[in-house]
Amino acid sequence: MHISPYEQGNIFNTDPKRDRKLLLHKKQIRKLYSKLQDKGLTLIPTKVYFSGKNLKVEIALAKGKKSFDKRESIAKRDAERQMHRKEY
């Protein structure tokens, strides 16, 4: 994850693209890893926030859309756009 350095910081600013630790128990990491490998799921960051000096990231497992779902959501979005154009 890219975290921009603090502008008023000094020489102690860290590399913005450095690897960061995932603070979970080994059993939790294995469980997430196995689900990512077996079922084709993806880890998605849902919330990023500071807690004191630490940056916390809330993650979720998500499954991608199927092609027919994508076409359906694109059609809905286009219909919404057309309705908003007609109102003005």
C-alpha atoms as a PDB file:
ATOM      1  CA  MET A   1       0.000   0.000   0.000  1.00  0.00           C
ATOM      2  CA  HIS A   2       1.307   3.458  -0.876  1.00  0.00           C
ATOM      3  CA  ILE A   3       1.238   5.867   2.074  1.00  0.00           C
ATOM      4  CA  SER A   4       2.557   9.322   1.201  1.00  0.00           C
ATOM      5  CA  PRO A   5       5.225  10.718   3.519  1.00  0.00           C
ATOM      6  CA  TYR A   6       4.301  13.475   5.955  1.00  0.00           C
ATOM      7  CA  GLU A   7       5.149  16.821   4.311  1.00  0.00           C
ATOM      8  CA  GLN A   8       6.432  18.454   7.502  1.00  0.00           C
ATOM      9  CA  GLY A   9       8.327  15.304   8.418  1.00  0.00           C
ATOM     10  CA  ASN A  10      12.078  14.918   8.668  1.00  0.00           C
ATOM     11  CA  ILE A  11      14.623  12.232   7.876  1.00  0.00           C
ATOM     12  CA  PHE A  12      12.566   9.672   9.790  1.00  0.00           C
ATOM     13  CA  ASN A  13       9.871   9.485   7.069  1.00  0.00           C
ATOM     14  CA  THR A  14       9.763   5.937   5.730  1.00  0.00           C
ATOM     15  CA  ASP A  15       9.633   4.719   2.148  1.00  0.00           C
ATOM     16  CA  PRO A  16       6.022   5.187   0.929  1.00  0.00           C
ATOM     17  CA  LYS A  17       6.000   1.867  -0.986  1.00  0.00           C
ATOM     18  CA  ARG A  18       7.700  -0.342   1.593  1.00  0.00           C
ATOM     19  CA  ASP A  19       6.237  -3.709   2.596  1.00  0.00           C
ATOM     20  CA  ARG A  20       4.108  -3.621   5.697  1.00  0.00           C
ATOM     21  CA  LYS A  21       3.324  -6.349   8.196  1.00  0.00           C
ATOM     22  CA  LEU A  22      -0.085  -7.941   8.293  1.00  0.00           C
ATOM     23  CA  LEU A  23      -0.764  -8.161  12.012  1.00  0.00           C
ATOM     24  CA  LEU A  24      -2.763 -11.363  12.225  1.00  0.00           C
ATOM     25  CA  HIS A  25      -2.210 -14.709  13.870  1.00  0.00           C
ATOM     26  CA  LYS A  26      -0.560 -17.367  11.713  1.00  0.00           C
ATOM     27  CA  LYS A  27      -3.779 -19.414  11.706  1.00  0.00           C
ATOM     28  CA  GLN A  28      -5.782 -16.412  10.423  1.00  0.00           C
ATOM     29  CA  ILE A  29      -3.255 -15.724   7.650  1.00  0.00           C
ATOM     30  CA  ARG A  30      -3.338 -19.381   6.568  1.00  0.00           C
ATOM     31  CA  LYS A  31      -7.137 -19.341   6.483  1.00  0.00           C
ATOM     32  CA  LEU A  32      -7.215 -16.204   4.311  1.00  0.00           C
ATOM     33  CA  TYR A  33      -4.488 -17.573   2.038  1.00  0.00           C
ATOM     34  CA  SER A  34      -6.296 -20.877   1.505  1.00  0.00           C
ATOM     35  CA  LYS A  35      -9.549 -19.090   0.615  1.00  0.00           C
ATOM     36  CA  LEU A  36      -7.701 -16.847  -1.832  1.00  0.00           C
ATOM     37  CA  GLN A  37      -6.161 -19.887  -3.552  1.00  0.00           C
ATOM     38  CA  ASP A  38      -9.133 -22.263  -3.592  1.00  0.00           C
ATOM     39  CA  LYS A  39     -12.215 -20.218  -4.316  1.00  0.00           C
ATOM     40  CA  GLY A  40     -10.823 -17.376  -6.435  1.00  0.00           C
ATOM     41  CA  LEU A  41     -11.658 -14.718  -3.868  1.00  0.00           C
ATOM     42  CA  THR A  42      -9.826 -11.394  -3.476  1.00  0.00           C
ATOM     43  CA  LEU A  43      -8.846  -9.334  -0.436  1.00  0.00           C
ATOM     44  CA  ILE A  44     -10.351  -5.843  -0.614  1.00  0.00           C
ATOM     45  CA  PRO A  45      -9.512  -2.970   1.765  1.00  0.00           C
ATOM     46  CA  THR A  46     -12.854  -1.586   2.985  1.00  0.00           C
ATOM     47  CA  LYS A  47     -11.695   0.988   5.524  1.00  0.00           C
ATOM     48  CA  VAL A  48      -8.375   2.735   6.220  1.00  0.00           C
ATOM     49  CA  TYR A  49      -7.918   4.827   9.364  1.00  0.00           C
ATOM     50  CA  PHE A  50      -5.353   5.973  11.942  1.00  0.00           C
ATOM     51  CA  SER A  51      -5.371   4.687  15.497  1.00  0.00           C
ATOM     52  CA  GLY A  52      -2.715   6.666  17.332  1.00  0.00           C
ATOM     53  CA  LYS A  53       0.529   6.246  15.403  1.00  0.00           C
ATOM     54  CA  ASN A  54      -0.703   3.103  13.631  1.00  0.00           C
ATOM     55  CA  LEU A  55      -2.557   2.902  10.348  1.00  0.00           C
ATOM     56  CA  LYS A  56      -5.292   0.264  10.399  1.00  0.00           C
ATOM     57  CA  VAL A  57      -6.876  -1.362   7.363  1.00  0.00           C
ATOM     58  CA  GLU A  58     -10.140  -3.271   7.493  1.00  0.00           C
ATOM     59  CA  ILE A  59     -10.149  -6.000   4.848  1.00  0.00           C
ATOM     60  CA  ALA A  60     -12.842  -8.193   3.347  1.00  0.00           C
ATOM     61  CA  LEU A  61     -12.989 -11.246   1.103  1.00  0.00           C
ATOM     62  CA  ALA A  62     -14.854 -10.557  -2.130  1.00  0.00           C
ATOM     63  CA  LYS A  63     -15.820 -12.501  -5.222  1.00  0.00           C
ATOM     64  CA  GLY A  64     -15.730 -10.840  -8.656  1.00  0.00           C
ATOM     65  CA  LYS A  65     -18.811 -10.264 -10.763  1.00  0.00           C
ATOM     66  CA  LYS A  66     -19.790 -12.588 -13.558  1.00  0.00           C
ATOM     67  CA  SER A  67     -19.986 -11.153 -17.072  1.00  0.00           C
ATOM     68  CA  PHE A  68     -23.805 -11.109 -17.113  1.00  0.00           C
ATOM     69  CA  ASP A  69     -23.812  -9.206 -13.801  1.00  0.00           C
ATOM     70  CA  LYS A  70     -21.457  -6.620 -15.288  1.00  0.00           C
ATOM     71  CA  ARG A  71     -23.704  -6.111 -18.310  1.00  0.00           C
ATOM     72  CA  GLU A  72     -26.701  -5.707 -16.037  1.00  0.00           C
ATOM     73  CA  SER A  73     -25.005  -3.084 -13.845  1.00  0.00           C
ATOM     74  CA  ILE A  74     -23.766  -1.180 -16.923  1.00  0.00           C
ATOM     75  CA  ALA A  75     -27.309  -1.123 -18.315  1.00  0.00           C
ATOM     76  CA  LYS A  76     -28.671   0.219 -14.998  1.00  0.00           C
ATOM     77  CA  ARG A  77     -26.008   2.916 -14.885  1.00  0.00           C
ATOM     78  CA  ASP A  78     -26.796   4.004 -18.471  1.00  0.00           C
ATOM     79  CA  ALA A  79     -30.512   4.131 -17.673  1.00  0.00           C
ATOM     80  CA  GLU A  80     -29.807   6.326 -14.626  1.00  0.00           C
ATOM     81  CA  ARG A  81     -27.711   8.684 -16.747  1.00  0.00           C
ATOM     82  CA  GLN A  82     -30.448   9.023 -19.352  1.00  0.00           C
ATOM     83  CA  MET A  83     -33.064   9.760 -16.679  1.00  0.00           C
ATOM     84  CA  HIS A  84     -30.887  12.485 -15.160  1.00  0.00           C
ATOM     85  CA  ARG A  85     -30.260  14.074 -18.584  1.00  0.00           C
ATOM     86  CA  LYS A  86     -33.994  14.275 -19.291  1.00  0.00           C
ATOM     87  CA  GLU A  87     -34.663  16.028 -15.965  1.00  0.00           C
ATOM     88  CA  TYR A  88     -32.442  19.001 -16.790  1.00  0.00           C
END
